[in-house]
C-alpha atoms as a PDB file:
ATOM      1  CA  MET A   1     249.511  71.704  28.050  1.00  0.00           C
ATOM      2  CA  ASP A   2     252.372  73.234  26.023  1.00  0.00           C
ATOM      3  CA  LYS A   3     254.407  70.450  24.352  1.00  0.00           C
ATOM      4  CA  HIS A   4     257.585  72.555  25.046  1.00  0.00           C
ATOM      5  CA  ASN A   5     257.068  71.956  28.794  1.00  0.00           C
ATOM      6  CA  LEU A   6     256.868  68.261  28.293  1.00  0.00           C
ATOM      7  CA  THR A   7     260.237  68.072  26.592  1.00  0.00           C
ATOM      8  CA  LEU A   8     261.875  69.945  29.407  1.00  0.00           C
ATOM      9  CA  LEU A   9     260.614  67.573  32.111  1.00  0.00           C
ATOM     10  CA  ASN A  10     263.405  65.035  32.111  1.00  0.00           C
ATOM     11  CA  GLU A  11     263.975  65.097  35.874  1.00  0.00           C
ATOM     12  CA  PHE A  12     262.429  65.836  39.182  1.00  0.00           C
ATOM     13  CA  ILE A  13     263.679  67.609  42.343  1.00  0.00           C
ATOM     14  CA  LEU A  14     263.124  65.664  45.601  1.00  0.00           C
ATOM     15  CA  MET A  15     262.528  67.754  48.702  1.00  0.00           C
ATOM     16  CA  GLY A  16     264.437  65.163  50.803  1.00  0.00           C
ATOM     17  CA  ILE A  17     264.457  64.522  54.532  1.00  0.00           C
ATOM     18  CA  THR A  18     265.539  67.894  55.672  1.00  0.00           C
ATOM     19  CA  ASP A  19     266.492  71.230  54.218  1.00  0.00           C
ATOM     20  CA  LEU A  20     268.732  72.039  57.126  1.00  0.00           C
ATOM     21  CA  PRO A  21     272.450  71.654  56.023  1.00  0.00           C
ATOM     22  CA  GLU A  22     273.776  70.975  59.513  1.00  0.00           C
ATOM     23  CA  LEU A  23     271.502  67.880  59.790  1.00  0.00           C
ATOM     24  CA  GLN A  24     272.286  66.374  56.345  1.00  0.00           C
ATOM     25  CA  VAL A  25     275.663  64.699  57.190  1.00  0.00           C
ATOM     26  CA  PRO A  26     274.463  63.285  60.609  1.00  0.00           C
ATOM     27  CA  LEU A  27     271.336  61.973  58.954  1.00  0.00           C
ATOM     28  CA  PHE A  28     273.349  60.482  56.124  1.00  0.00           C
ATOM     29  CA  VAL A  29     275.538  58.619  58.664  1.00  0.00           C
ATOM     30  CA  ILE A  30     272.554  57.404  60.645  1.00  0.00           C
ATOM     31  CA  PHE A  31     270.503  56.164  57.600  1.00  0.00           C
ATOM     32  CA  LEU A  32     273.695  54.648  56.096  1.00  0.00           C
ATOM     33  CA  ILE A  33     274.150  52.552  59.199  1.00  0.00           C
ATOM     34  CA  ILE A  34     270.504  51.555  59.243  1.00  0.00           C
ATOM     35  CA  TYR A  35     270.538  50.580  55.535  1.00  0.00           C
ATOM     36  CA  MET A  36     273.745  48.544  55.914  1.00  0.00           C
ATOM     37  CA  ILE A  37     272.464  46.654  58.901  1.00  0.00           C
ATOM     38  CA  SER A  38     269.246  46.047  56.893  1.00  0.00           C
ATOM     39  CA  VAL A  39     271.173  44.721  53.826  1.00  0.00           C
ATOM     40  CA  VAL A  40     273.468  42.402  55.976  1.00  0.00           C
ATOM     41  CA  GLY A  41     270.496  41.180  58.087  1.00  0.00           C
ATOM     42  CA  ASN A  42     268.211  40.360  55.253  1.00  0.00           C
ATOM     43  CA  LEU A  43     270.908  38.772  53.052  1.00  0.00           C
ATOM     44  CA  GLY A  44     271.991  36.832  56.028  1.00  0.00           C
ATOM     45  CA  LEU A  45     268.503  35.451  56.631  1.00  0.00           C
ATOM     46  CA  ILE A  46     268.045  34.669  52.863  1.00  0.00           C
ATOM     47  CA  PHE A  47     271.436  32.848  52.864  1.00  0.00           C
ATOM     48  CA  LEU A  48     270.797  31.055  56.154  1.00  0.00           C
ATOM     49  CA  THR A  49     267.312  29.805  55.264  1.00  0.00           C
ATOM     50  CA  LYS A  50     268.634  28.609  51.918  1.00  0.00           C
ATOM     51  CA  ILE A  51     271.733  26.617  53.033  1.00  0.00           C
ATOM     52  CA  ASP A  52     270.496  25.162  56.416  1.00  0.00           C
ATOM     53  CA  ALA A  53     268.562  22.008  55.826  1.00  0.00           C
ATOM     54  CA  GLN A  54     266.672  22.361  59.125  1.00  0.00           C
ATOM     55  CA  LEU A  55     265.096  25.680  57.979  1.00  0.00           C
ATOM     56  CA  HIS A  56     263.734  24.142  54.762  1.00  0.00           C
ATOM     57  CA  THR A  57     260.213  24.382  56.133  1.00  0.00           C
ATOM     58  CA  PRO A  58     257.227  26.556  54.890  1.00  0.00           C
ATOM     59  CA  MET A  59     257.760  28.963  57.696  1.00  0.00           C
ATOM     60  CA  TYR A  60     261.258  29.767  56.623  1.00  0.00           C
ATOM     61  CA  VAL A  61     260.421  29.719  52.938  1.00  0.00           C
ATOM     62  CA  PHE A  62     258.005  32.682  53.696  1.00  0.00           C
ATOM     63  CA  LEU A  63     260.602  34.278  55.958  1.00  0.00           C
ATOM     64  CA  ARG A  64     263.185  34.156  53.151  1.00  0.00           C
ATOM     65  CA  HIS A  65     260.711  35.955  50.888  1.00  0.00           C
ATOM     66  CA  LEU A  66     259.892  38.440  53.492  1.00  0.00           C
ATOM     67  CA  SER A  67     263.610  39.264  53.772  1.00  0.00           C
ATOM     68  CA  PHE A  68     263.752  39.540  49.964  1.00  0.00           C
ATOM     69  CA  THR A  69     260.862  42.071  49.870  1.00  0.00           C
ATOM     70  CA  ASP A  70     262.412  43.989  52.766  1.00  0.00           C
ATOM     71  CA  LEU A  71     265.609  44.158  50.937  1.00  0.00           C
ATOM     72  CA  GLY A  72     263.817  45.058  47.636  1.00  0.00           C
ATOM     73  CA  TYR A  73     261.763  48.115  48.746  1.00  0.00           C
ATOM     74  CA  SER A  74     264.527  49.457  51.052  1.00  0.00           C
ATOM     75  CA  THR A  75     267.049  49.253  48.249  1.00  0.00           C
ATOM     76  CA  ALA A  76     264.595  50.898  45.818  1.00  0.00           C
ATOM     77  CA  VAL A  77     264.528  53.965  48.092  1.00  0.00           C
ATOM     78  CA  GLY A  78     267.603  53.864  50.414  1.00  0.00           C
ATOM     79  CA  PRO A  79     270.682  54.422  48.164  1.00  0.00           C
ATOM     80  CA  LYS A  80     269.071  57.290  46.201  1.00  0.00           C
ATOM     81  CA  MET A  81     267.905  58.951  49.406  1.00  0.00           C
ATOM     82  CA  LEU A  82     271.401  58.656  50.871  1.00  0.00           C
ATOM     83  CA  VAL A  83     272.965  60.192  47.786  1.00  0.00           C
ATOM     84  CA  ASN A  84     270.547  63.072  47.805  1.00  0.00           C
ATOM     85  CA  LEU A  85     271.228  63.828  51.443  1.00  0.00           C
ATOM     86  CA  VAL A  86     274.788  64.943  50.495  1.00  0.00           C
ATOM     87  CA  ALA A  87     274.200  66.008  46.915  1.00  0.00           C
ATOM     88  CA  GLU A  88     274.011  69.716  46.044  1.00  0.00           C
ATOM     89  CA  ARG A  89     271.033  69.121  43.849  1.00  0.00           C
ATOM     90  CA  PRO A  90     268.747  66.386  45.061  1.00  0.00           C
ATOM     91  CA  ASN A  91     267.321  65.417  41.726  1.00  0.00           C
ATOM     92  CA  ILE A  92     266.092  62.170  40.119  1.00  0.00           C
ATOM     93  CA  SER A  93     265.792  61.490  36.445  1.00  0.00           C
ATOM     94  CA  TYR A  94     262.271  60.956  34.882  1.00  0.00           C
ATOM     95  CA  SER A  95     263.007  57.334  33.899  1.00  0.00           C
ATOM     96  CA  TRP A  96     264.633  56.449  37.309  1.00  0.00           C
ATOM     97  CA  CYS A  97     261.647  57.950  39.161  1.00  0.00           C
ATOM     98  CA  ALA A  98     259.317  55.639  37.184  1.00  0.00           C
ATOM     99  CA  THR A  99     261.717  52.719  37.952  1.00  0.00           C
ATOM    100  CA  GLN A 100     261.927  53.575  41.674  1.00  0.00           C
ATOM    101  CA  LEU A 101     258.168  53.745  41.970  1.00  0.00           C
ATOM    102  CA  THR A 102     257.761  50.460  40.103  1.00  0.00           C
ATOM    103  CA  PHE A 103     260.113  48.422  42.306  1.00  0.00           C
ATOM    104  CA  PHE A 104     259.039  50.037  45.574  1.00  0.00           C
ATOM    105  CA  SER A 105     255.362  49.257  44.682  1.00  0.00           C
ATOM    106  CA  VAL A 106     256.040  45.652  43.661  1.00  0.00           C
ATOM    107  CA  PHE A 107     257.903  44.814  46.865  1.00  0.00           C
ATOM    108  CA  ILE A 108     255.720  46.646  49.369  1.00  0.00           C
ATOM    109  CA  SER A 109     252.573  45.222  47.943  1.00  0.00           C
ATOM    110  CA  SER A 110     254.049  41.708  47.889  1.00  0.00           C
ATOM    111  CA  GLU A 111     255.159  42.064  51.540  1.00  0.00           C
ATOM    112  CA  VAL A 112     251.693  42.687  52.820  1.00  0.00           C
ATOM    113  CA  PHE A 113     250.387  39.415  51.424  1.00  0.00           C
ATOM    114  CA  ILE A 114     253.506  37.466  52.315  1.00  0.00           C
ATOM    115  CA  LEU A 115     252.853  38.472  55.969  1.00  0.00           C
ATOM    116  CA  SER A 116     249.272  37.226  55.503  1.00  0.00           C
ATOM    117  CA  ALA A 117     250.578  33.905  54.056  1.00  0.00           C
ATOM    118  CA  MET A 118     252.821  33.634  57.169  1.00  0.00           C
ATOM    119  CA  ALA A 119     249.823  34.086  59.438  1.00  0.00           C
ATOM    120  CA  CYS A 120     248.004  31.255  57.537  1.00  0.00           C
ATOM    121  CA  ASP A 121     251.092  29.001  57.970  1.00  0.00           C
ATOM    122  CA  ARG A 122     251.099  29.698  61.774  1.00  0.00           C
ATOM    123  CA  TYR A 123     247.350  28.906  61.848  1.00  0.00           C
ATOM    124  CA  VAL A 124     247.882  25.493  60.262  1.00  0.00           C
ATOM    125  CA  ALA A 125     250.938  24.732  62.351  1.00  0.00           C
ATOM    126  CA  ILE A 126     249.101  25.429  65.657  1.00  0.00           C
ATOM    127  CA  CYS A 127     245.503  24.480  64.829  1.00  0.00           C
ATOM    128  CA  GLU A 128     246.162  21.482  62.554  1.00  0.00           C
ATOM    129  CA  PRO A 129     249.657  20.207  63.609  1.00  0.00           C
ATOM    130  CA  LEU A 130     249.063  16.594  62.406  1.00  0.00           C
ATOM    131  CA  LEU A 131     248.071  17.823  58.972  1.00  0.00           C
ATOM    132  CA  TYR A 132     250.663  20.543  58.730  1.00  0.00           C
ATOM    133  CA  THR A 133     253.064  18.777  56.264  1.00  0.00           C
ATOM    134  CA  VAL A 134     250.132  17.696  54.147  1.00  0.00           C
ATOM    135  CA  ILE A 135     248.384  21.053  53.920  1.00  0.00           C
ATOM    136  CA  MET A 136     251.468  23.241  53.689  1.00  0.00           C
ATOM    137  CA  SER A 137     253.014  21.340  50.788  1.00  0.00           C
ATOM    138  CA  GLN A 138     255.793  22.632  48.686  1.00  0.00           C
ATOM    139  CA  ALA A 139     253.294  23.347  45.798  1.00  0.00           C
ATOM    140  CA  LEU A 140     251.071  25.330  48.066  1.00  0.00           C
ATOM    141  CA  CYS A 141     253.982  27.326  49.480  1.00  0.00           C
ATOM    142  CA  HIS A 142     255.185  28.230  45.926  1.00  0.00           C
ATOM    143  CA  VAL A 143     251.570  29.380  45.047  1.00  0.00           C
ATOM    144  CA  LEU A 144     251.230  31.480  48.262  1.00  0.00           C
ATOM    145  CA  VAL A 145     254.627  33.091  47.395  1.00  0.00           C
ATOM    146  CA  ALA A 146     253.875  33.563  43.638  1.00  0.00           C
ATOM    147  CA  ILE A 147     250.537  35.262  44.056  1.00  0.00           C
ATOM    148  CA  PRO A 148     251.825  38.267  46.033  1.00  0.00           C
ATOM    149  CA  TYR A 149     254.592  38.807  43.481  1.00  0.00           C
ATOM    150  CA  LEU A 150     252.315  38.570  40.514  1.00  0.00           C
ATOM    151  CA  TYR A 151     249.605  40.854  42.160  1.00  0.00           C
ATOM    152  CA  GLY A 152     252.421  43.310  43.067  1.00  0.00           C
ATOM    153  CA  VAL A 153     253.772  43.473  39.539  1.00  0.00           C
ATOM    154  CA  PHE A 154     250.204  43.968  38.177  1.00  0.00           C
ATOM    155  CA  LEU A 155     249.324  46.731  40.613  1.00  0.00           C
ATOM    156  CA  SER A 156     252.626  48.437  40.236  1.00  0.00           C
ATOM    157  CA  LEU A 157     252.562  48.500  36.395  1.00  0.00           C
ATOM    158  CA  LEU A 158     248.944  49.666  36.517  1.00  0.00           C
ATOM    159  CA  THR A 159     249.722  52.570  38.791  1.00  0.00           C
ATOM    160  CA  VAL A 160     253.089  53.586  37.192  1.00  0.00           C
ATOM    161  CA  ILE A 161     251.767  53.462  33.619  1.00  0.00           C
ATOM    162  CA  LYS A 162     248.687  55.511  34.510  1.00  0.00           C
ATOM    163  CA  ILE A 163     250.868  58.133  36.146  1.00  0.00           C
ATOM    164  CA  PHE A 164     253.642  58.373  33.605  1.00  0.00           C
ATOM    165  CA  VAL A 165     251.429  58.420  30.463  1.00  0.00           C
ATOM    166  CA  SER A 166     249.732  61.419  31.943  1.00  0.00           C
ATOM    167  CA  SER A 167     250.756  65.027  31.364  1.00  0.00           C
ATOM    168  CA  PHE A 168     253.000  66.729  33.950  1.00  0.00           C
ATOM    169  CA  CYS A 169     252.507  70.512  34.298  1.00  0.00           C
ATOM    170  CA  GLY A 170     256.271  71.290  34.327  1.00  0.00           C
ATOM    171  CA  HIS A 171     256.386  71.539  38.061  1.00  0.00           C
ATOM    172  CA  LYS A 172     259.439  69.344  39.068  1.00  0.00           C
ATOM    173  CA  VAL A 173     259.446  69.439  42.883  1.00  0.00           C
ATOM    174  CA  ILE A 174     258.232  66.261  44.544  1.00  0.00           C
ATOM    175  CA  ARG A 175     257.232  66.812  48.203  1.00  0.00           C
ATOM    176  CA  HIS A 176     258.853  63.643  49.405  1.00  0.00           C
ATOM    177  CA  PHE A 177     262.355  62.020  49.607  1.00  0.00           C
ATOM    178  CA  TYR A 178     261.444  59.312  46.974  1.00  0.00           C
ATOM    179  CA  CYS A 179     259.053  58.998  44.017  1.00  0.00           C
ATOM    180  CA  ASP A 180     255.783  57.911  45.552  1.00  0.00           C
ATOM    181  CA  SER A 181     252.435  57.903  43.702  1.00  0.00           C
ATOM    182  CA  LEU A 182     250.474  60.573  45.533  1.00  0.00           C
ATOM    183  CA  PRO A 183     253.167  63.262  45.461  1.00  0.00           C
ATOM    184  CA  LEU A 184     253.609  62.555  41.698  1.00  0.00           C
ATOM    185  CA  ILE A 185     249.850  62.701  41.063  1.00  0.00           C
ATOM    186  CA  SER A 186     249.789  66.190  42.530  1.00  0.00           C
ATOM    187  CA  LEU A 187     252.087  67.316  39.686  1.00  0.00           C
ATOM    188  CA  LEU A 188     249.817  66.076  36.931  1.00  0.00           C
ATOM    189  CA  CYS A 189     247.943  68.521  34.720  1.00  0.00           C
ATOM    190  CA  SER A 190     245.482  65.932  33.355  1.00  0.00           C
ATOM    191  CA  ASP A 191     242.490  64.696  35.300  1.00  0.00           C
ATOM    192  CA  THR A 192     243.658  62.647  38.285  1.00  0.00           C
ATOM    193  CA  HIS A 193     240.219  61.288  39.507  1.00  0.00           C
ATOM    194  CA  GLU A 194     240.626  57.929  37.837  1.00  0.00           C
ATOM    195  CA  ILE A 195     244.165  57.265  39.098  1.00  0.00           C
ATOM    196  CA  ARG A 196     243.323  58.515  42.538  1.00  0.00           C
ATOM    197  CA  LEU A 197     240.297  56.210  42.646  1.00  0.00           C
ATOM    198  CA  ILE A 198     242.495  53.213  41.475  1.00  0.00           C
ATOM    199  CA  ILE A 199     245.012  53.832  44.308  1.00  0.00           C
ATOM    200  CA  LEU A 200     242.276  54.309  46.862  1.00  0.00           C
ATOM    201  CA  ILE A 201     240.474  51.082  45.891  1.00  0.00           C
ATOM    202  CA  PHE A 202     243.652  48.903  45.780  1.00  0.00           C
ATOM    203  CA  SER A 203     245.178  50.467  48.936  1.00  0.00           C
ATOM    204  CA  THR A 204     241.986  49.835  50.794  1.00  0.00           C
ATOM    205  CA  PHE A 205     241.792  46.312  49.485  1.00  0.00           C
ATOM    206  CA  ASN A 206     245.422  45.578  50.367  1.00  0.00           C
ATOM    207  CA  LEU A 207     245.108  46.887  53.879  1.00  0.00           C
ATOM    208  CA  VAL A 208     241.721  45.374  54.727  1.00  0.00           C
ATOM    209  CA  SER A 209     242.065  41.992  53.094  1.00  0.00           C
ATOM    210  CA  SER A 210     245.538  41.294  54.357  1.00  0.00           C
ATOM    211  CA  LEU A 211     244.691  42.439  57.865  1.00  0.00           C
ATOM    212  CA  LEU A 212     241.516  40.405  57.833  1.00  0.00           C
ATOM    213  CA  ILE A 213     243.493  37.256  57.034  1.00  0.00           C
ATOM    214  CA  VAL A 214     245.879  37.986  59.835  1.00  0.00           C
ATOM    215  CA  LEU A 215     243.102  38.750  62.346  1.00  0.00           C
ATOM    216  CA  ILE A 216     241.119  35.679  61.524  1.00  0.00           C
ATOM    217  CA  SER A 217     244.251  33.413  61.625  1.00  0.00           C
ATOM    218  CA  TYR A 218     245.236  34.817  65.061  1.00  0.00           C
ATOM    219  CA  ILE A 219     241.726  34.638  66.528  1.00  0.00           C
ATOM    220  CA  LEU A 220     241.552  30.912  65.641  1.00  0.00           C
ATOM    221  CA  ILE A 221     245.217  30.428  66.951  1.00  0.00           C
ATOM    222  CA  LEU A 222     244.214  32.139  70.203  1.00  0.00           C
ATOM    223  CA  ALA A 223     241.095  29.966  70.516  1.00  0.00           C
ATOM    224  CA  THR A 224     243.135  26.826  69.995  1.00  0.00           C
ATOM    225  CA  ILE A 225     245.833  27.905  72.492  1.00  0.00           C
ATOM    226  CA  LEU A 226     243.267  28.697  75.154  1.00  0.00           C
ATOM    227  CA  ARG A 227     241.837  25.130  74.806  1.00  0.00           C
ATOM    228  CA  MET A 228     245.248  23.600  75.537  1.00  0.00           C
ATOM    229  CA  ASN A 229     245.522  21.844  78.912  1.00  0.00           C
ATOM    230  CA  SER A 230     249.330  22.164  79.165  1.00  0.00           C
ATOM    231  CA  ALA A 231     250.951  25.416  80.187  1.00  0.00           C
ATOM    232  CA  GLU A 232     254.112  24.332  78.392  1.00  0.00           C
ATOM    233  CA  GLY A 233     252.107  23.608  75.286  1.00  0.00           C
ATOM    234  CA  ARG A 234     250.454  27.104  75.445  1.00  0.00           C
ATOM    235  CA  TYR A 235     253.910  28.711  75.863  1.00  0.00           C
ATOM    236  CA  LYS A 236     255.409  26.766  72.992  1.00  0.00           C
ATOM    237  CA  ALA A 237     252.495  27.721  70.705  1.00  0.00           C
ATOM    238  CA  PHE A 238     252.770  31.408  71.631  1.00  0.00           C
ATOM    239  CA  SER A 239     256.490  31.429  71.158  1.00  0.00           C
ATOM    240  CA  THR A 240     256.180  30.108  67.594  1.00  0.00           C
ATOM    241  CA  CYS A 241     253.967  33.105  66.774  1.00  0.00           C
ATOM    242  CA  GLY A 242     255.964  35.730  68.730  1.00  0.00           C
ATOM    243  CA  SER A 243     258.266  36.856  65.986  1.00  0.00           C
ATOM    244  CA  HIS A 244     255.594  37.101  63.345  1.00  0.00           C
ATOM    245  CA  LEU A 245     253.120  38.862  65.600  1.00  0.00           C
ATOM    246  CA  THR A 246     255.809  41.423  66.550  1.00  0.00           C
ATOM    247  CA  VAL A 247     256.586  42.061  62.873  1.00  0.00           C
ATOM    248  CA  ILE A 248     252.802  42.408  62.146  1.00  0.00           C
ATOM    249  CA  VAL A 249     252.290  44.927  64.987  1.00  0.00           C
ATOM    250  CA  VAL A 250     255.204  47.094  63.864  1.00  0.00           C
ATOM    251  CA  PHE A 251     254.371  46.984  60.127  1.00  0.00           C
ATOM    252  CA  TYR A 252     250.526  47.561  60.408  1.00  0.00           C
ATOM    253  CA  GLY A 253     251.000  50.027  63.259  1.00  0.00           C
ATOM    254  CA  THR A 254     253.159  52.206  60.987  1.00  0.00           C
ATOM    255  CA  LEU A 255     250.698  51.987  58.078  1.00  0.00           C
ATOM    256  CA  PHE A 256     247.780  52.869  60.309  1.00  0.00           C
ATOM    257  CA  PHE A 257     249.725  55.869  61.773  1.00  0.00           C
ATOM    258  CA  MET A 258     250.380  57.123  58.241  1.00  0.00           C
ATOM    259  CA  TYR A 259     247.033  56.517  56.638  1.00  0.00           C
ATOM    260  CA  VAL A 260     244.309  56.394  59.280  1.00  0.00           C
ATOM    261  CA  GLN A 261     245.262  59.445  61.404  1.00  0.00           C
ATOM    262  CA  PRO A 262     242.861  62.490  60.888  1.00  0.00           C
ATOM    263  CA  LYS A 263     243.904  64.860  58.068  1.00  0.00           C
ATOM    264  CA  SER A 264     244.003  67.798  60.549  1.00  0.00           C
ATOM    265  CA  SER A 265     246.766  66.126  62.371  1.00  0.00           C
ATOM    266  CA  HIS A 266     248.903  65.360  59.254  1.00  0.00           C
ATOM    267  CA  SER A 267     252.171  67.234  58.817  1.00  0.00           C
ATOM    268  CA  PHE A 268     254.700  66.915  56.008  1.00  0.00           C
ATOM    269  CA  ASP A 269     257.497  66.187  58.473  1.00  0.00           C
ATOM    270  CA  THR A 270     255.526  63.566  60.335  1.00  0.00           C
ATOM    271  CA  ASP A 271     254.639  61.736  57.103  1.00  0.00           C
ATOM    272  CA  LYS A 272     258.336  61.814  56.128  1.00  0.00           C
ATOM    273  CA  MET A 273     259.446  60.299  59.344  1.00  0.00           C
ATOM    274  CA  ALA A 274     256.747  57.588  59.200  1.00  0.00           C
ATOM    275  CA  SER A 275     257.948  56.910  55.631  1.00  0.00           C
ATOM    276  CA  VAL A 276     261.535  56.618  56.758  1.00  0.00           C
ATOM    277  CA  PHE A 277     260.396  54.218  59.465  1.00  0.00           C
ATOM    278  CA  TYR A 278     258.750  51.784  57.082  1.00  0.00           C
ATOM    279  CA  THR A 279     261.077  52.164  54.223  1.00  0.00           C
ATOM    280  CA  LEU A 280     264.359  51.802  56.169  1.00  0.00           C
ATOM    281  CA  VAL A 281     263.853  50.959  59.827  1.00  0.00           C
ATOM    282  CA  ILE A 282     261.269  48.108  59.434  1.00  0.00           C
ATOM    283  CA  PRO A 283     263.530  46.222  56.940  1.00  0.00           C
ATOM    284  CA  MET A 284     266.338  46.549  59.528  1.00  0.00           C
ATOM    285  CA  LEU A 285     264.172  45.345  62.472  1.00  0.00           C
ATOM    286  CA  ASN A 286     262.619  42.275  60.793  1.00  0.00           C
ATOM    287  CA  PRO A 287     265.814  40.180  60.641  1.00  0.00           C
ATOM    288  CA  MET A 288     266.637  41.291  64.223  1.00  0.00           C
ATOM    289  CA  ILE A 289     263.242  40.211  65.461  1.00  0.00           C
ATOM    290  CA  TYR A 290     263.412  36.758  63.786  1.00  0.00           C
ATOM    291  CA  SER A 291     267.067  36.313  64.790  1.00  0.00           C
ATOM    292  CA  PHE A 292     266.776  37.260  68.524  1.00  0.00           C
ATOM    293  CA  ARG A 293     263.293  35.764  69.214  1.00  0.00           C
ATOM    294  CA  ASN A 294     263.701  32.489  67.233  1.00  0.00           C
ATOM    295  CA  LYS A 295     265.775  29.566  68.603  1.00  0.00           C
ATOM    296  CA  GLU A 296     265.769  27.750  65.303  1.00  0.00           C
ATOM    297  CA  VAL A 297     267.392  30.665  63.471  1.00  0.00           C
ATOM    298  CA  LYS A 298     269.876  31.185  66.315  1.00  0.00           C
ATOM    299  CA  ASN A 299     270.814  27.486  66.240  1.00  0.00           C
ATOM    300  CA  ALA A 300     271.085  27.566  62.373  1.00  0.00           C
ATOM    301  CA  LEU A 301     273.406  30.656  62.683  1.00  0.00           C
ATOM    302  CA  HIS A 302     275.516  28.824  65.281  1.00  0.00           C
ATOM    303  CA  ARG A 303     275.794  25.741  63.025  1.00  0.00           C
ATOM    304  CA  THR A 304     276.711  27.840  59.954  1.00  0.00           C
ATOM    305  CA  TRP A 305     279.275  29.774  61.988  1.00  0.00           C
ATOM    306  CA  LYS A 306     280.868  26.543  63.182  1.00  0.00           C
ATOM    307  CA  MET A 307     280.894  25.115  59.570  1.00  0.00           C
ATOM    308  CA  CYS A 308     282.473  28.319  58.156  1.00  0.00           C
ATOM    309  CA  THR A 309     285.184  28.437  60.832  1.00  0.00           C
ATOM    310  CA  HIS A 310     285.889  24.724  60.348  1.00  0.00           C
ATOM    311  CA  ILE A 311     286.296  25.209  56.583  1.00  0.00           C
ATOM    312  CA  LEU A 312     288.358  28.321  57.144  1.00  0.00           C
ATOM    313  CA  PHE A 313     290.866  26.774  59.592  1.00  0.00           C
ATOM    314  CA  LYS A 314     290.887  23.454  57.693  1.00  0.00           C
ATOM    315  CA  THR A 315     292.140  25.274  54.543  1.00  0.00           C
END
């Protein structure tokens, strides 16, 4: 490859959500509202689970980190996508593209295994209730939270370094609205077999291993619930899993829609809409699911509101 071409490649052009000018402003308004709701909801859950003493349990430690990862990967993508919707030239610098891909990969990889850790927590809570506080100790919770982040950083750096130390052909147009690994790989001049194999292996491992943990946990939970004699006990057990199960179905359903559908049915617009859903809509939905379906969160919100209004009127 000509070295002159390498020196000129200091930015990329993102194709964006749409190339229809009449849709750009309405989409900007819609996605801005979605992103702001996501930010407020996830920051609210992080704040609530931190200050309310009754939410200092393993389940809500994991929920706090789920909100943090939701906030992380939606913020890695959302603001730049919004700017490019109304910009005359939807570009992204070479260094910011690498940064965006790094942070997006860290948070999305971490979220997959935090959801798995939450499934394990629900298994212990329902199947081993008397040993719950012993098994789900503070030290174990910290380990179950730290491992996804460390793994996410490792996988992200491995992928990003492999891509950005390779040679780009001078083609600057990324067929996506953010810097994702596969669209970037298609712009490489050097051999991409190794990096494609790495992404395939780790993507398969992430999806299969995390989903296997979730499925085994919920099969054991279901077996325990069906053995319960009390209808009230069964309802209570199901209700403790309802929010997490809803999040799991939405999250994995979107991933399966994107990656498991036949290639013949793939279209660029369909993939973009699915990407919008899991980068912006899911981070907005998760706080709503845990707020509306969870009495403890609603009670904590009520207590915090009363405390804030008391302090406000007292001063």
